[in-house]
Amino acid sequence: MQSTIKLLGQTAVRKLTTTKANMATSSFSNKYKFETLLVSTPREYVYHVELNRPQQFNTMNSAFWREMVECFQAISEDSDCRVVVLSANGKHFTAGLDLTDMGPLMETVLGNGDVARKFRTLQQFIKSYQLSFTSVEQCNKPVIAAVHGGCIGGGVDLITAADIRFCTQDAFFQIKEVDIGLAADVGTLQRLPKVIGSDSLVRELAYTARKMFADEAAQAGLVSRVLSDKEIMLKVALEIASAIADKSPVAVQGSKHNLNYARDHSIEEGLNYMVIWNAAMLQSEDLRVAAMASMDRKGPLHLFQSFKGLL
C-alpha cells in the first residue's frame, strides 16, 4: 500500500514538473514569437537570436525594424537570460536594407508635400530605425555578434552595437550606403570609429563602400576572433556566452553599463560615475557569494542561479 502511494506521488510530481516545463516553453514561445527573428535557448541563461529571412538574405524590412526593438527590450528585462548570441540563418548574415519594402518612406521622399512636414515624417522614420540597433546596445545583457558571409549596409550598423564580435573566414563587411546615394544613418558612422579606433580607415570604408574581409576586420579590431566556419564560430560563441553567464549578473551588467558610459564621457566623468555605481552595487549579495567561492577555490558552478529579479 505504501509503495503504491509512493509511486502515485512520484507520478504526480513528474506530471507537475512536465506541466510546468510545458507552460514555461509555451510562455517563451509566445513572448519571443517573431516574423523575422528566431529566438532559442541553447544553454542555460543564454539566448540565441537569429536573423531569419534566409531566402531574402536577411534583408531588413519594416517588420525587422520593429521586432528588433521588441525582442531586445524584452530580453533586457528577462531574468532567464544573461547573455545573447546574435547570428543569422542562410548564406549571409545580412544584405542590409530591404529596398523592396521602402514604399511608405519613398512616398514621403518623392511626394509633393510641405518640406517641413516631410522633414518631420522622415525624422521619425530614421529615429525608429536607429532605435532598432540602439536597443541592442542598451540591452542590459551582453550581446555577442557571430557573423558569416556578407555583413552589408545595416549589418555593420547592427554589429557595431553589439559587445563582442566574431566572424568566419569567409565573412566580409561593407558600408554600402554611399552606393545607394545616402550616408549610413543608423549607427555605423557614430559607433564604428570608436570600435576600430582608426578615423582614416572608417572614412575610407564609408566613402568607397569597399569590402573589408575577415583578416582585415580582425587586424582593425572590428572582430576579436576569426573562425574557420559558421559551426565552429557558433560553438565558440556559445562557450564564451556560457562562461559569461556563470559570472555574477550584477558584475557583468555593471561592467557593460560602465564601459558604454566611459566610451561616451571623459575619464574623470567615468570614474565619478563608477563611484556612484559601485557604492550601490558593492552591497549586492553577489559580492559575498563570489568572494567566498574564490577563497574556497570552487569556481563559479552556477553560484548565482538562485538570484532572481530583473538581473
C-alpha atoms as a PDB file:
ATOM      1  CA  MET A   1       0.000   0.000   0.000  1.00  0.00           C
ATOM      2  CA  GLN A   2       2.774   2.428   0.961  1.00  0.00           C
ATOM      3  CA  SER A   3       4.746   1.597  -2.163  1.00  0.00           C
ATOM      4  CA  THR A   4       1.646   2.249  -4.287  1.00  0.00           C
ATOM      5  CA  ILE A   5       1.079   5.644  -2.629  1.00  0.00           C
ATOM      6  CA  LYS A   6       4.749   6.467  -3.104  1.00  0.00           C
ATOM      7  CA  LEU A   7       4.553   5.502  -6.788  1.00  0.00           C
ATOM      8  CA  LEU A   8       1.430   7.616  -7.291  1.00  0.00           C
ATOM      9  CA  GLY A   9       3.165  10.539  -5.595  1.00  0.00           C
ATOM     10  CA  GLN A  10       6.213  10.228  -7.840  1.00  0.00           C
ATOM     11  CA  THR A  11       3.972  10.063 -10.913  1.00  0.00           C
ATOM     12  CA  ALA A  12       2.113  13.181  -9.786  1.00  0.00           C
ATOM     13  CA  VAL A  13       5.399  15.044  -9.258  1.00  0.00           C
ATOM     14  CA  ARG A  14       6.623  14.055 -12.723  1.00  0.00           C
ATOM     15  CA  LYS A  15       3.366  15.207 -14.292  1.00  0.00           C
ATOM     16  CA  LEU A  16       3.527  18.509 -12.408  1.00  0.00           C
ATOM     17  CA  THR A  17       7.138  19.022 -13.456  1.00  0.00           C
ATOM     18  CA  THR A  18       6.281  18.233 -17.083  1.00  0.00           C
ATOM     19  CA  THR A  19       3.292  20.582 -16.974  1.00  0.00           C
ATOM     20  CA  LYS A  20       5.403  23.410 -15.573  1.00  0.00           C
ATOM     21  CA  ALA A  21       8.074  22.818 -18.204  1.00  0.00           C
ATOM     22  CA  ASN A  22       5.480  22.832 -20.988  1.00  0.00           C
ATOM     23  CA  MET A  23       3.945  26.025 -19.632  1.00  0.00           C
ATOM     24  CA  ALA A  24       7.368  27.675 -19.472  1.00  0.00           C
ATOM     25  CA  THR A  25       8.129  26.590 -23.047  1.00  0.00           C
ATOM     26  CA  SER A  26       4.765  27.873 -24.246  1.00  0.00           C
ATOM     27  CA  SER A  27       5.273  31.183 -22.457  1.00  0.00           C
ATOM     28  CA  PHE A  28       8.737  31.588 -24.005  1.00  0.00           C
ATOM     29  CA  SER A  29       7.441  30.756 -27.487  1.00  0.00           C
ATOM     30  CA  ASN A  30       4.640  33.284 -27.219  1.00  0.00           C
ATOM     31  CA  LYS A  31       6.889  36.002 -25.798  1.00  0.00           C
ATOM     32  CA  TYR A  32       9.584  35.578 -28.454  1.00  0.00           C
ATOM     33  CA  LYS A  33       7.484  34.760 -31.498  1.00  0.00           C
ATOM     34  CA  PHE A  34       8.629  36.919 -34.400  1.00  0.00           C
ATOM     35  CA  GLU A  35       8.321  37.065 -38.154  1.00  0.00           C
ATOM     36  CA  THR A  36      11.945  37.984 -38.912  1.00  0.00           C
ATOM     37  CA  LEU A  37      13.795  36.679 -35.841  1.00  0.00           C
ATOM     38  CA  LEU A  38      14.204  33.214 -34.355  1.00  0.00           C
ATOM     39  CA  VAL A  39      14.898  33.067 -30.598  1.00  0.00           C
ATOM     40  CA  SER A  40      16.037  29.916 -28.777  1.00  0.00           C
ATOM     41  CA  THR A  41      17.725  28.902 -25.520  1.00  0.00           C
ATOM     42  CA  PRO A  42      20.645  26.619 -26.450  1.00  0.00           C
ATOM     43  CA  ARG A  43      22.245  26.841 -22.986  1.00  0.00           C
ATOM     44  CA  GLU A  44      21.259  27.900 -19.513  1.00  0.00           C
ATOM     45  CA  TYR A  45      20.904  31.688 -19.251  1.00  0.00           C
ATOM     46  CA  VAL A  46      21.989  32.030 -22.904  1.00  0.00           C
ATOM     47  CA  TYR A  47      19.557  33.184 -25.599  1.00  0.00           C
ATOM     48  CA  HIS A  48      20.296  32.781 -29.290  1.00  0.00           C
ATOM     49  CA  VAL A  49      18.715  35.385 -31.594  1.00  0.00           C
ATOM     50  CA  GLU A  50      18.944  34.631 -35.310  1.00  0.00           C
ATOM     51  CA  LEU A  51      18.069  36.881 -38.235  1.00  0.00           C
ATOM     52  CA  ASN A  52      15.583  34.646 -40.004  1.00  0.00           C
ATOM     53  CA  ARG A  53      14.821  35.731 -43.569  1.00  0.00           C
ATOM     54  CA  PRO A  54      17.346  33.459 -45.313  1.00  0.00           C
ATOM     55  CA  GLN A  55      15.591  33.475 -48.696  1.00  0.00           C
ATOM     56  CA  GLN A  56      15.868  37.270 -48.729  1.00  0.00           C
ATOM     57  CA  PHE A  57      19.468  37.227 -47.429  1.00  0.00           C
ATOM     58  CA  ASN A  58      18.109  38.582 -44.132  1.00  0.00           C
ATOM     59  CA  THR A  59      17.374  41.978 -45.615  1.00  0.00           C
ATOM     60  CA  MET A  60      15.840  44.392 -43.153  1.00  0.00           C
ATOM     61  CA  ASN A  61      12.144  45.101 -43.742  1.00  0.00           C
ATOM     62  CA  SER A  62       9.641  47.049 -41.648  1.00  0.00           C
ATOM     63  CA  ALA A  63       8.821  44.006 -39.504  1.00  0.00           C
ATOM     64  CA  PHE A  64      12.511  43.519 -38.722  1.00  0.00           C
ATOM     65  CA  TRP A  65      12.993  47.110 -37.549  1.00  0.00           C
ATOM     66  CA  ARG A  66      10.009  46.802 -35.211  1.00  0.00           C
ATOM     67  CA  GLU A  67      10.812  43.307 -33.933  1.00  0.00           C
ATOM     68  CA  MET A  68      14.421  44.094 -33.064  1.00  0.00           C
ATOM     69  CA  VAL A  69      13.198  46.670 -30.550  1.00  0.00           C
ATOM     70  CA  GLU A  70      10.539  44.338 -29.137  1.00  0.00           C
ATOM     71  CA  CYS A  71      12.971  41.427 -28.868  1.00  0.00           C
ATOM     72  CA  PHE A  72      15.904  43.165 -27.210  1.00  0.00           C
ATOM     73  CA  GLN A  73      13.800  45.260 -24.865  1.00  0.00           C
ATOM     74  CA  ALA A  74      12.139  42.040 -23.658  1.00  0.00           C
ATOM     75  CA  ILE A  75      15.485  40.259 -23.287  1.00  0.00           C
ATOM     76  CA  SER A  76      16.911  43.204 -21.368  1.00  0.00           C
ATOM     77  CA  GLU A  77      14.395  42.607 -18.561  1.00  0.00           C
ATOM     78  CA  ASP A  78      14.280  38.788 -18.777  1.00  0.00           C
ATOM     79  CA  SER A  79      15.970  37.241 -15.721  1.00  0.00           C
ATOM     80  CA  ASP A  80      16.259  33.886 -17.516  1.00  0.00           C
ATOM     81  CA  CYS A  81      18.745  35.443 -19.930  1.00  0.00           C
ATOM     82  CA  ARG A  82      22.197  36.745 -19.050  1.00  0.00           C
ATOM     83  CA  VAL A  83      23.937  36.679 -22.450  1.00  0.00           C
ATOM     84  CA  VAL A  84      22.765  36.842 -26.080  1.00  0.00           C
ATOM     85  CA  VAL A  85      24.382  35.305 -29.148  1.00  0.00           C
ATOM     86  CA  LEU A  86      23.249  37.107 -32.316  1.00  0.00           C
ATOM     87  CA  SER A  87      23.709  35.319 -35.644  1.00  0.00           C
ATOM     88  CA  ALA A  88      21.813  34.702 -38.880  1.00  0.00           C
ATOM     89  CA  ASN A  89      20.324  31.875 -40.922  1.00  0.00           C
ATOM     90  CA  GLY A  90      21.143  31.396 -44.585  1.00  0.00           C
ATOM     91  CA  LYS A  91      24.094  32.173 -46.825  1.00  0.00           C
ATOM     92  CA  HIS A  92      24.809  35.671 -45.475  1.00  0.00           C
ATOM     93  CA  PHE A  93      24.491  37.479 -42.168  1.00  0.00           C
ATOM     94  CA  THR A  94      22.526  40.242 -43.896  1.00  0.00           C
ATOM     95  CA  ALA A  95      22.409  42.062 -47.210  1.00  0.00           C
ATOM     96  CA  GLY A  96      21.224  45.207 -45.425  1.00  0.00           C
ATOM     97  CA  LEU A  97      18.170  47.318 -46.158  1.00  0.00           C
ATOM     98  CA  ASP A  98      15.233  45.685 -47.953  1.00  0.00           C
ATOM     99  CA  LEU A  99      14.771  48.141 -50.822  1.00  0.00           C
ATOM    100  CA  THR A 100      11.545  46.408 -51.880  1.00  0.00           C
ATOM    101  CA  ASP A 101       9.928  47.363 -48.569  1.00  0.00           C
ATOM    102  CA  MET A 102      10.598  51.090 -48.735  1.00  0.00           C
ATOM    103  CA  GLY A 103       7.236  52.149 -50.192  1.00  0.00           C
ATOM    104  CA  PRO A 104       5.976  54.421 -47.376  1.00  0.00           C
ATOM    105  CA  LEU A 105       9.368  56.053 -46.970  1.00  0.00           C
ATOM    106  CA  MET A 106       9.796  56.689 -50.696  1.00  0.00           C
ATOM    107  CA  GLU A 107       6.280  58.121 -50.917  1.00  0.00           C
ATOM    108  CA  THR A 108       7.323  60.727 -48.383  1.00  0.00           C
ATOM    109  CA  VAL A 109      10.667  61.419 -50.067  1.00  0.00           C
ATOM    110  CA  LEU A 110       9.185  61.783 -53.558  1.00  0.00           C
ATOM    111  CA  GLY A 111       5.895  63.369 -52.516  1.00  0.00           C
ATOM    112  CA  ASN A 112       4.875  66.959 -53.134  1.00  0.00           C
ATOM    113  CA  GLY A 113       4.021  67.763 -49.526  1.00  0.00           C
ATOM    114  CA  ASP A 114       5.287  70.656 -47.450  1.00  0.00           C
ATOM    115  CA  VAL A 115       9.044  70.412 -46.786  1.00  0.00           C
ATOM    116  CA  ALA A 116       8.706  70.944 -43.035  1.00  0.00           C
ATOM    117  CA  ARG A 117       6.087  68.216 -42.732  1.00  0.00           C
ATOM    118  CA  LYS A 118       8.084  65.816 -44.880  1.00  0.00           C
ATOM    119  CA  PHE A 119      11.087  66.546 -42.686  1.00  0.00           C
ATOM    120  CA  ARG A 120       9.197  65.600 -39.512  1.00  0.00           C
ATOM    121  CA  THR A 121       7.926  62.364 -41.087  1.00  0.00           C
ATOM    122  CA  LEU A 122      11.390  61.354 -42.276  1.00  0.00           C
ATOM    123  CA  GLN A 123      12.872  62.307 -38.913  1.00  0.00           C
ATOM    124  CA  GLN A 124      10.554  59.819 -37.178  1.00  0.00           C
ATOM    125  CA  PHE A 125      11.367  57.112 -39.740  1.00  0.00           C
ATOM    126  CA  ILE A 126      15.102  57.460 -39.169  1.00  0.00           C
ATOM    127  CA  LYS A 127      14.804  57.651 -35.388  1.00  0.00           C
ATOM    128  CA  SER A 128      12.721  54.478 -35.302  1.00  0.00           C
ATOM    129  CA  TYR A 129      15.347  52.664 -37.390  1.00  0.00           C
ATOM    130  CA  GLN A 130      18.122  53.900 -35.103  1.00  0.00           C
ATOM    131  CA  LEU A 131      16.255  52.607 -32.048  1.00  0.00           C
ATOM    132  CA  SER A 132      16.275  49.105 -33.549  1.00  0.00           C
ATOM    133  CA  PHE A 133      20.043  48.878 -33.051  1.00  0.00           C
ATOM    134  CA  THR A 134      20.310  51.142 -30.047  1.00  0.00           C
ATOM    135  CA  SER A 135      18.111  48.573 -28.304  1.00  0.00           C
ATOM    136  CA  VAL A 136      20.969  46.083 -28.758  1.00  0.00           C
ATOM    137  CA  GLU A 137      23.495  48.498 -27.299  1.00  0.00           C
ATOM    138  CA  GLN A 138      21.189  49.415 -24.414  1.00  0.00           C
ATOM    139  CA  CYS A 139      20.176  45.830 -23.669  1.00  0.00           C
ATOM    140  CA  ASN A 140      21.352  45.049 -20.128  1.00  0.00           C
ATOM    141  CA  LYS A 141      22.711  41.700 -21.296  1.00  0.00           C
ATOM    142  CA  PRO A 142      25.983  41.388 -23.264  1.00  0.00           C
ATOM    143  CA  VAL A 143      25.431  40.615 -26.957  1.00  0.00           C
ATOM    144  CA  ILE A 144      27.891  38.500 -28.954  1.00  0.00           C
ATOM    145  CA  ALA A 145      27.523  39.008 -32.718  1.00  0.00           C
ATOM    146  CA  ALA A 146      28.555  35.977 -34.787  1.00  0.00           C
ATOM    147  CA  VAL A 147      28.898  36.950 -38.450  1.00  0.00           C
ATOM    148  CA  HIS A 148      29.241  34.733 -41.507  1.00  0.00           C
ATOM    149  CA  GLY A 149      29.183  35.606 -45.202  1.00  0.00           C
ATOM    150  CA  GLY A 150      28.217  39.145 -46.113  1.00  0.00           C
ATOM    151  CA  CYS A 151      27.518  41.789 -43.484  1.00  0.00           C
ATOM    152  CA  ILE A 152      26.377  44.658 -45.658  1.00  0.00           C
ATOM    153  CA  GLY A 153      24.965  48.118 -45.024  1.00  0.00           C
ATOM    154  CA  GLY A 154      22.674  47.930 -41.991  1.00  0.00           C
ATOM    155  CA  GLY A 155      24.520  44.804 -40.881  1.00  0.00           C
ATOM    156  CA  VAL A 156      27.530  46.930 -39.966  1.00  0.00           C
ATOM    157  CA  ASP A 157      25.248  49.316 -38.082  1.00  0.00           C
ATOM    158  CA  LEU A 158      23.859  46.327 -36.198  1.00  0.00           C
ATOM    159  CA  ILE A 159      27.062  44.586 -35.168  1.00  0.00           C
ATOM    160  CA  THR A 160      28.763  47.777 -34.004  1.00  0.00           C
ATOM    161  CA  ALA A 161      26.001  47.976 -31.380  1.00  0.00           C
ATOM    162  CA  ALA A 162      26.997  44.532 -30.039  1.00  0.00           C
ATOM    163  CA  ASP A 163      29.504  43.978 -27.216  1.00  0.00           C
ATOM    164  CA  ILE A 164      31.658  41.274 -28.797  1.00  0.00           C
ATOM    165  CA  ARG A 165      32.064  40.337 -32.467  1.00  0.00           C
ATOM    166  CA  PHE A 166      33.269  37.087 -34.031  1.00  0.00           C
ATOM    167  CA  CYS A 167      33.258  36.162 -37.723  1.00  0.00           C
ATOM    168  CA  THR A 168      34.022  33.309 -40.079  1.00  0.00           C
ATOM    169  CA  GLN A 169      36.928  33.271 -42.502  1.00  0.00           C
ATOM    170  CA  ASP A 170      34.547  33.874 -45.418  1.00  0.00           C
ATOM    171  CA  ALA A 171      32.918  36.950 -43.841  1.00  0.00           C
ATOM    172  CA  PHE A 172      33.142  40.430 -45.284  1.00  0.00           C
ATOM    173  CA  PHE A 173      31.865  43.810 -44.115  1.00  0.00           C
ATOM    174  CA  GLN A 174      30.668  46.633 -46.327  1.00  0.00           C
ATOM    175  CA  ILE A 175      29.345  50.126 -45.591  1.00  0.00           C
ATOM    176  CA  LYS A 176      27.179  50.082 -48.683  1.00  0.00           C
ATOM    177  CA  GLU A 177      25.042  53.183 -48.176  1.00  0.00           C
ATOM    178  CA  VAL A 178      27.013  55.547 -50.433  1.00  0.00           C
ATOM    179  CA  ASP A 179      26.268  53.219 -53.360  1.00  0.00           C
ATOM    180  CA  ILE A 180      22.543  53.935 -52.977  1.00  0.00           C
ATOM    181  CA  GLY A 181      23.018  57.666 -52.535  1.00  0.00           C
ATOM    182  CA  LEU A 182      22.919  58.215 -48.779  1.00  0.00           C
ATOM    183  CA  ALA A 183      25.123  58.358 -45.703  1.00  0.00           C
ATOM    184  CA  ALA A 184      24.819  55.487 -43.211  1.00  0.00           C
ATOM    185  CA  ASP A 185      22.297  56.788 -40.696  1.00  0.00           C
ATOM    186  CA  VAL A 186      21.558  54.126 -38.073  1.00  0.00           C
ATOM    187  CA  GLY A 187      24.833  53.859 -36.192  1.00  0.00           C
ATOM    188  CA  THR A 188      27.855  52.945 -38.299  1.00  0.00           C
ATOM    189  CA  LEU A 189      29.271  56.460 -38.608  1.00  0.00           C
ATOM    190  CA  GLN A 190      28.834  57.040 -34.870  1.00  0.00           C
ATOM    191  CA  ARG A 191      29.942  53.658 -33.465  1.00  0.00           C
ATOM    192  CA  LEU A 192      32.498  52.266 -35.919  1.00  0.00           C
ATOM    193  CA  PRO A 193      35.137  54.981 -35.232  1.00  0.00           C
ATOM    194  CA  LYS A 194      35.002  54.044 -31.537  1.00  0.00           C
ATOM    195  CA  VAL A 195      35.140  50.326 -32.293  1.00  0.00           C
ATOM    196  CA  ILE A 196      38.192  50.233 -34.556  1.00  0.00           C
ATOM    197  CA  GLY A 197      39.897  53.453 -33.488  1.00  0.00           C
ATOM    198  CA  SER A 198      41.141  54.469 -36.953  1.00  0.00           C
ATOM    199  CA  ASP A 199      39.391  57.529 -38.320  1.00  0.00           C
ATOM    200  CA  SER A 200      41.246  57.171 -41.602  1.00  0.00           C
ATOM    201  CA  LEU A 201      40.091  53.581 -42.150  1.00  0.00           C
ATOM    202  CA  VAL A 202      36.492  54.386 -41.210  1.00  0.00           C
ATOM    203  CA  ARG A 203      36.418  57.203 -43.756  1.00  0.00           C
ATOM    204  CA  GLU A 204      37.981  55.007 -46.445  1.00  0.00           C
ATOM    205  CA  LEU A 205      35.336  52.317 -45.895  1.00  0.00           C
ATOM    206  CA  ALA A 206      32.457  54.801 -45.697  1.00  0.00           C
ATOM    207  CA  TYR A 207      33.485  56.805 -48.763  1.00  0.00           C
ATOM    208  CA  THR A 208      34.357  53.873 -51.073  1.00  0.00           C
ATOM    209  CA  ALA A 209      31.896  51.150 -49.948  1.00  0.00           C
ATOM    210  CA  ARG A 210      34.670  48.622 -50.481  1.00  0.00           C
ATOM    211  CA  LYS A 211      34.578  45.234 -48.782  1.00  0.00           C
ATOM    212  CA  MET A 212      36.580  44.604 -45.615  1.00  0.00           C
ATOM    213  CA  PHE A 213      37.380  40.902 -45.326  1.00  0.00           C
ATOM    214  CA  ALA A 214      37.778  38.860 -42.158  1.00  0.00           C
ATOM    215  CA  ASP A 215      41.538  39.155 -41.664  1.00  0.00           C
ATOM    216  CA  GLU A 216      41.491  42.935 -42.104  1.00  0.00           C
ATOM    217  CA  ALA A 217      38.477  43.173 -39.784  1.00  0.00           C
ATOM    218  CA  ALA A 218      40.412  41.298 -37.092  1.00  0.00           C
ATOM    219  CA  GLN A 219      43.521  43.410 -37.603  1.00  0.00           C
ATOM    220  CA  ALA A 220      41.450  46.604 -37.333  1.00  0.00           C
ATOM    221  CA  GLY A 221      39.674  45.378 -34.194  1.00  0.00           C
ATOM    222  CA  LEU A 222      36.177  45.111 -35.641  1.00  0.00           C
ATOM    223  CA  VAL A 223      36.128  41.430 -34.636  1.00  0.00           C
ATOM    224  CA  SER A 224      38.117  39.726 -31.901  1.00  0.00           C
ATOM    225  CA  ARG A 225      38.102  36.223 -33.395  1.00  0.00           C
ATOM    226  CA  VAL A 226      38.048  34.731 -36.889  1.00  0.00           C
ATOM    227  CA  LEU A 227      36.849  31.107 -37.035  1.00  0.00           C
ATOM    228  CA  SER A 228      37.065  28.668 -39.918  1.00  0.00           C
ATOM    229  CA  ASP A 229      33.320  28.155 -40.435  1.00  0.00           C
ATOM    230  CA  LYS A 230      29.912  29.006 -39.031  1.00  0.00           C
ATOM    231  CA  GLU A 231      29.505  25.817 -36.995  1.00  0.00           C
ATOM    232  CA  ILE A 232      32.771  26.315 -35.145  1.00  0.00           C
ATOM    233  CA  MET A 233      32.096  30.032 -34.721  1.00  0.00           C
ATOM    234  CA  LEU A 234      28.727  29.390 -33.060  1.00  0.00           C
ATOM    235  CA  LYS A 235      30.251  26.724 -30.835  1.00  0.00           C
ATOM    236  CA  VAL A 236      32.918  29.180 -29.646  1.00  0.00           C
ATOM    237  CA  ALA A 237      30.375  31.984 -29.256  1.00  0.00           C
ATOM    238  CA  LEU A 238      28.148  29.773 -27.102  1.00  0.00           C
ATOM    239  CA  GLU A 239      31.118  28.679 -24.982  1.00  0.00           C
ATOM    240  CA  ILE A 240      32.050  32.300 -24.347  1.00  0.00           C
ATOM    241  CA  ALA A 241      28.405  33.096 -23.621  1.00  0.00           C
ATOM    242  CA  SER A 242      28.213  30.280 -21.062  1.00  0.00           C
ATOM    243  CA  ALA A 243      31.398  31.493 -19.398  1.00  0.00           C
ATOM    244  CA  ILE A 244      29.876  34.968 -19.074  1.00  0.00           C
ATOM    245  CA  ALA A 245      26.556  33.548 -17.833  1.00  0.00           C
ATOM    246  CA  ASP A 246      28.410  31.801 -14.978  1.00  0.00           C
ATOM    247  CA  LYS A 247      29.530  35.162 -13.623  1.00  0.00           C
ATOM    248  CA  SER A 248      27.563  37.478 -11.368  1.00  0.00           C
ATOM    249  CA  PRO A 249      24.942  39.271 -13.475  1.00  0.00           C
ATOM    250  CA  VAL A 250      25.386  42.282 -11.215  1.00  0.00           C
ATOM    251  CA  ALA A 251      29.084  42.413 -12.135  1.00  0.00           C
ATOM    252  CA  VAL A 252      28.653  41.652 -15.840  1.00  0.00           C
ATOM    253  CA  GLN A 253      25.790  44.056 -16.461  1.00  0.00           C
ATOM    254  CA  GLY A 254      27.516  46.723 -14.376  1.00  0.00           C
ATOM    255  CA  SER A 255      30.641  46.271 -16.498  1.00  0.00           C
ATOM    256  CA  LYS A 256      28.661  46.683 -19.719  1.00  0.00           C
ATOM    257  CA  HIS A 257      26.855  49.764 -18.469  1.00  0.00           C
ATOM    258  CA  ASN A 258      30.036  51.456 -17.285  1.00  0.00           C
ATOM    259  CA  LEU A 259      32.032  50.558 -20.405  1.00  0.00           C
ATOM    260  CA  ASN A 260      29.331  52.187 -22.526  1.00  0.00           C
ATOM    261  CA  TYR A 261      29.263  55.219 -20.249  1.00  0.00           C
ATOM    262  CA  ALA A 262      33.061  55.556 -20.259  1.00  0.00           C
ATOM    263  CA  ARG A 263      33.159  55.378 -24.062  1.00  0.00           C
ATOM    264  CA  ASP A 264      30.912  58.441 -24.318  1.00  0.00           C
ATOM    265  CA  HIS A 265      32.422  60.503 -21.464  1.00  0.00           C
ATOM    266  CA  SER A 266      35.782  61.703 -20.178  1.00  0.00           C
ATOM    267  CA  ILE A 267      37.905  59.516 -17.889  1.00  0.00           C
ATOM    268  CA  GLU A 268      37.127  61.752 -14.939  1.00  0.00           C
ATOM    269  CA  GLU A 269      33.384  61.603 -15.604  1.00  0.00           C
ATOM    270  CA  GLY A 270      33.591  57.829 -15.965  1.00  0.00           C
ATOM    271  CA  LEU A 271      35.456  57.436 -12.679  1.00  0.00           C
ATOM    272  CA  ASN A 272      32.995  59.644 -10.831  1.00  0.00           C
ATOM    273  CA  TYR A 273      30.078  57.697 -12.278  1.00  0.00           C
ATOM    274  CA  MET A 274      31.757  54.442 -11.239  1.00  0.00           C
ATOM    275  CA  VAL A 275      31.965  55.679  -7.627  1.00  0.00           C
ATOM    276  CA  ILE A 276      28.210  56.180  -7.511  1.00  0.00           C
ATOM    277  CA  TRP A 277      27.530  52.879  -9.289  1.00  0.00           C
ATOM    278  CA  ASN A 278      29.657  50.666  -7.073  1.00  0.00           C
ATOM    279  CA  ALA A 279      28.686  52.472  -3.878  1.00  0.00           C
ATOM    280  CA  ALA A 280      25.332  50.797  -4.514  1.00  0.00           C
ATOM    281  CA  MET A 281      26.377  47.555  -6.224  1.00  0.00           C
ATOM    282  CA  LEU A 282      29.078  46.594  -3.713  1.00  0.00           C
ATOM    283  CA  GLN A 283      26.203  45.937  -1.325  1.00  0.00           C
ATOM    284  CA  SER A 284      24.947  43.125  -3.570  1.00  0.00           C
ATOM    285  CA  GLU A 285      24.834  39.566  -2.224  1.00  0.00           C
ATOM    286  CA  ASP A 286      26.740  38.527  -5.356  1.00  0.00           C
ATOM    287  CA  LEU A 287      29.938  40.033  -3.952  1.00  0.00           C
ATOM    288  CA  ARG A 288      29.819  37.898  -0.804  1.00  0.00           C
ATOM    289  CA  VAL A 289      28.997  34.717  -2.747  1.00  0.00           C
ATOM    290  CA  ALA A 290      31.775  35.266  -5.287  1.00  0.00           C
ATOM    291  CA  ALA A 291      34.344  36.156  -2.624  1.00  0.00           C
ATOM    292  CA  MET A 292      33.586  33.022  -0.610  1.00  0.00           C
ATOM    293  CA  ALA A 293      33.768  30.839  -3.712  1.00  0.00           C
ATOM    294  CA  SER A 294      37.113  32.384  -4.622  1.00  0.00           C
ATOM    295  CA  MET A 295      38.530  31.660  -1.174  1.00  0.00           C
ATOM    296  CA  ASP A 296      37.219  28.097  -1.319  1.00  0.00           C
ATOM    297  CA  ARG A 297      38.619  27.739  -4.861  1.00  0.00           C
ATOM    298  CA  LYS A 298      35.331  26.274  -6.007  1.00  0.00           C
ATOM    299  CA  GLY A 299      34.906  28.333  -9.170  1.00  0.00           C
ATOM    300  CA  PRO A 300      31.556  29.637 -10.471  1.00  0.00           C
ATOM    301  CA  LEU A 301      29.487  26.409 -10.555  1.00  0.00           C
ATOM    302  CA  HIS A 302      26.369  28.446 -11.299  1.00  0.00           C
ATOM    303  CA  LEU A 303      26.675  30.171  -7.933  1.00  0.00           C
ATOM    304  CA  PHE A 304      24.238  32.883  -8.920  1.00  0.00           C
ATOM    305  CA  GLN A 305      21.373  30.655 -10.121  1.00  0.00           C
ATOM    306  CA  SER A 306      19.186  31.375  -7.116  1.00  0.00           C
ATOM    307  CA  PHE A 307      19.208  35.150  -7.552  1.00  0.00           C
ATOM    308  CA  LYS A 308      16.116  36.154  -9.491  1.00  0.00           C
ATOM    309  CA  GLY A 309      14.646  39.515 -10.420  1.00  0.00           C
ATOM    310  CA  LEU A 310      15.433  41.764 -13.358  1.00  0.00           C
ATOM    311  CA  LEU A 311      19.106  40.753 -13.489  1.00  0.00           C
END
